[in-house]
């Protein structure tokens, strides 16, 4: 009976870790693939400006 309880604890811990690591991969993996066009433009030597990140403000 003690071995069965230990097995359930190990199984539950493994599933918990799998869910936590899986969620982290899903949430943070798209961040690595963001702005691939901007990266390509920077590598090609062209100058580009993002319309949402203008450094001058019109106040």
N, C-alpha and C. Protein backbone atom coordinates (compact mmCIF):
# COMPACT_ATOMS: atom_id res chain seq x y z
N UNK A 1 0.83 -1.20 0.00
CA UNK A 1 0.00 0.00 0.00
C UNK A 1 0.87 1.26 0.00
N UNK A 2 1.95 1.26 0.72
CA UNK A 2 2.86 2.41 0.78
C UNK A 2 3.50 2.65 -0.59
N UNK A 3 3.81 1.57 -1.31
CA UNK A 3 4.41 1.72 -2.64
C UNK A 3 3.43 2.36 -3.61
N UNK A 4 2.16 2.02 -3.50
CA UNK A 4 1.14 2.59 -4.38
C UNK A 4 0.98 4.08 -4.12
N UNK A 5 1.04 4.47 -2.84
CA UNK A 5 0.93 5.89 -2.50
C UNK A 5 2.14 6.66 -3.04
N UNK A 6 3.31 6.09 -2.91
CA UNK A 6 4.53 6.73 -3.42
C UNK A 6 4.44 6.88 -4.94
N UNK A 7 3.92 5.87 -5.61
CA UNK A 7 3.77 5.92 -7.06
C UNK A 7 2.82 7.05 -7.48
N UNK A 8 1.72 7.22 -6.74
CA UNK A 8 0.77 8.29 -7.04
C UNK A 8 1.40 9.67 -6.83
N UNK A 9 2.21 9.80 -5.80
CA UNK A 9 2.88 11.08 -5.53
C UNK A 9 3.86 11.40 -6.65
N UNK A 10 4.62 10.43 -7.07
CA UNK A 10 5.59 10.64 -8.16
C UNK A 10 4.86 10.96 -9.46
N UNK A 11 3.78 10.26 -9.73
CA UNK A 11 3.01 10.50 -10.94
C UNK A 11 2.39 11.90 -10.93
N UNK A 12 1.81 12.30 -9.82
CA UNK A 12 1.20 13.63 -9.72
C UNK A 12 2.26 14.73 -9.85
N UNK A 13 3.42 14.53 -9.26
CA UNK A 13 4.50 15.52 -9.37
C UNK A 13 4.98 15.63 -10.82
N UNK A 14 5.10 14.52 -11.48
CA UNK A 14 5.54 14.52 -12.88
C UNK A 14 4.55 15.24 -13.78
N UNK A 15 3.26 14.99 -13.57
CA UNK A 15 2.23 15.66 -14.38
C UNK A 15 2.23 17.16 -14.10
N UNK A 16 2.38 17.53 -12.84
CA UNK A 16 2.43 18.95 -12.47
C UNK A 16 3.61 19.64 -13.17
N UNK A 17 4.78 19.03 -13.11
CA UNK A 17 5.95 19.62 -13.77
C UNK A 17 5.76 19.70 -15.28
N UNK A 18 5.15 18.69 -15.86
CA UNK A 18 4.89 18.69 -17.29
C UNK A 18 3.97 19.83 -17.68
N UNK A 19 2.94 20.07 -16.89
CA UNK A 19 2.01 21.18 -17.17
C UNK A 19 2.70 22.53 -17.02
N UNK A 20 3.47 22.69 -15.97
CA UNK A 20 4.15 23.98 -15.74
C UNK A 20 5.17 24.26 -16.83
N UNK A 21 5.99 23.29 -17.17
CA UNK A 21 7.00 23.49 -18.21
C UNK A 21 6.34 23.67 -19.57
N UNK A 22 5.28 22.91 -19.84
CA UNK A 22 4.56 23.06 -21.10
C UNK A 22 3.95 24.45 -21.25
N UNK A 23 3.37 24.96 -20.17
CA UNK A 23 2.79 26.30 -20.21
C UNK A 23 3.87 27.35 -20.44
N UNK A 24 5.02 27.18 -19.81
CA UNK A 24 6.11 28.14 -20.00
C UNK A 24 6.60 28.12 -21.45
N UNK A 25 6.70 26.95 -22.03
CA UNK A 25 7.14 26.86 -23.42
C UNK A 25 6.13 27.52 -24.35
N UNK A 26 4.86 27.28 -24.11
CA UNK A 26 3.82 27.86 -24.96
C UNK A 26 3.79 29.38 -24.81
N UNK A 27 3.94 29.88 -23.60
CA UNK A 27 3.87 31.32 -23.39
C UNK A 27 5.11 32.06 -23.89
N UNK A 28 6.28 31.49 -23.74
CA UNK A 28 7.50 32.20 -24.06
C UNK A 28 8.10 31.85 -25.40
N UNK A 29 7.70 30.78 -26.05
CA UNK A 29 8.24 30.43 -27.36
C UNK A 29 7.87 31.46 -28.43
N UNK A 30 6.63 31.99 -28.48
CA UNK A 30 6.33 32.99 -29.51
C UNK A 30 7.17 34.25 -29.36
N UNK A 31 7.63 34.58 -28.19
CA UNK A 31 8.44 35.78 -27.99
C UNK A 31 9.76 35.68 -28.74
N UNK A 32 10.26 34.49 -28.93
CA UNK A 32 11.52 34.32 -29.66
C UNK A 32 11.32 34.52 -31.15
N UNK A 33 10.11 34.33 -31.66
CA UNK A 33 9.86 34.44 -33.09
C UNK A 33 9.24 35.77 -33.49
N UNK A 34 9.07 36.68 -32.55
CA UNK A 34 8.48 37.98 -32.84
C UNK A 34 9.44 38.86 -33.62
N UNK A 35 8.91 39.74 -34.44
CA UNK A 35 9.68 40.73 -35.21
C UNK A 35 10.72 40.10 -36.12
N UNK A 36 10.36 39.04 -36.80
CA UNK A 36 11.31 38.43 -37.74
C UNK A 36 11.54 39.35 -38.93
N UNK A 37 10.52 40.13 -39.33
CA UNK A 37 10.70 41.07 -40.44
C UNK A 37 11.67 42.18 -40.05
N UNK A 38 11.54 42.68 -38.83
CA UNK A 38 12.44 43.74 -38.37
C UNK A 38 13.87 43.22 -38.29
N UNK A 39 14.03 42.00 -37.84
CA UNK A 39 15.36 41.41 -37.75
C UNK A 39 15.96 41.26 -39.15
N UNK A 40 15.15 40.87 -40.12
CA UNK A 40 15.63 40.70 -41.49
C UNK A 40 16.02 42.05 -42.08
N UNK A 41 15.24 43.09 -41.81
CA UNK A 41 15.58 44.41 -42.31
C UNK A 41 16.86 44.94 -41.67
N UNK A 42 17.04 44.70 -40.39
CA UNK A 42 18.25 45.16 -39.71
C UNK A 42 19.47 44.46 -40.28
N UNK A 43 19.34 43.16 -40.54
CA UNK A 43 20.47 42.40 -41.05
C UNK A 43 20.81 42.79 -42.48
N UNK A 44 19.84 43.29 -43.24
CA UNK A 44 20.10 43.66 -44.62
C UNK A 44 20.71 45.06 -44.73
N UNK A 45 20.77 45.80 -43.63
CA UNK A 45 21.39 47.11 -43.65
C UNK A 45 20.43 48.25 -43.94
N UNK A 46 19.16 47.97 -44.13
CA UNK A 46 18.19 49.01 -44.41
C UNK A 46 17.80 49.74 -43.12
N UNK A 47 17.39 50.98 -43.26
CA UNK A 47 16.90 51.75 -42.11
C UNK A 47 15.38 51.66 -42.12
N UNK A 48 14.81 51.35 -40.97
CA UNK A 48 13.35 51.23 -40.88
C UNK A 48 12.88 51.86 -39.59
N UNK A 49 11.63 52.32 -39.61
CA UNK A 49 11.03 52.94 -38.44
C UNK A 49 9.67 52.30 -38.22
N UNK A 50 9.43 51.89 -37.00
CA UNK A 50 8.12 51.35 -36.65
C UNK A 50 7.17 52.50 -36.37
N UNK A 51 5.99 52.54 -36.99
CA UNK A 51 5.09 53.67 -36.79
C UNK A 51 4.62 53.86 -35.36
N UNK A 52 4.59 52.79 -34.57
CA UNK A 52 4.11 52.90 -33.20
C UNK A 52 5.18 53.33 -32.22
N UNK A 53 6.43 53.36 -32.63
CA UNK A 53 7.52 53.66 -31.70
C UNK A 53 8.30 54.90 -32.14
N UNK A 54 7.60 55.94 -32.49
CA UNK A 54 8.25 57.16 -32.93
C UNK A 54 8.94 57.82 -31.73
N UNK A 55 10.17 58.29 -31.95
CA UNK A 55 10.92 58.90 -30.85
C UNK A 55 10.52 60.36 -30.61
N UNK A 56 9.99 61.03 -31.63
CA UNK A 56 9.56 62.41 -31.43
C UNK A 56 8.06 62.43 -31.12
N UNK A 57 7.69 63.24 -30.16
CA UNK A 57 6.28 63.33 -29.78
C UNK A 57 5.72 64.68 -30.25
N UNK A 58 4.50 64.66 -30.70
CA UNK A 58 3.86 65.90 -31.16
C UNK A 58 2.89 66.37 -30.09
N UNK A 59 3.39 67.15 -29.14
CA UNK A 59 2.56 67.65 -28.04
C UNK A 59 2.24 69.10 -28.23
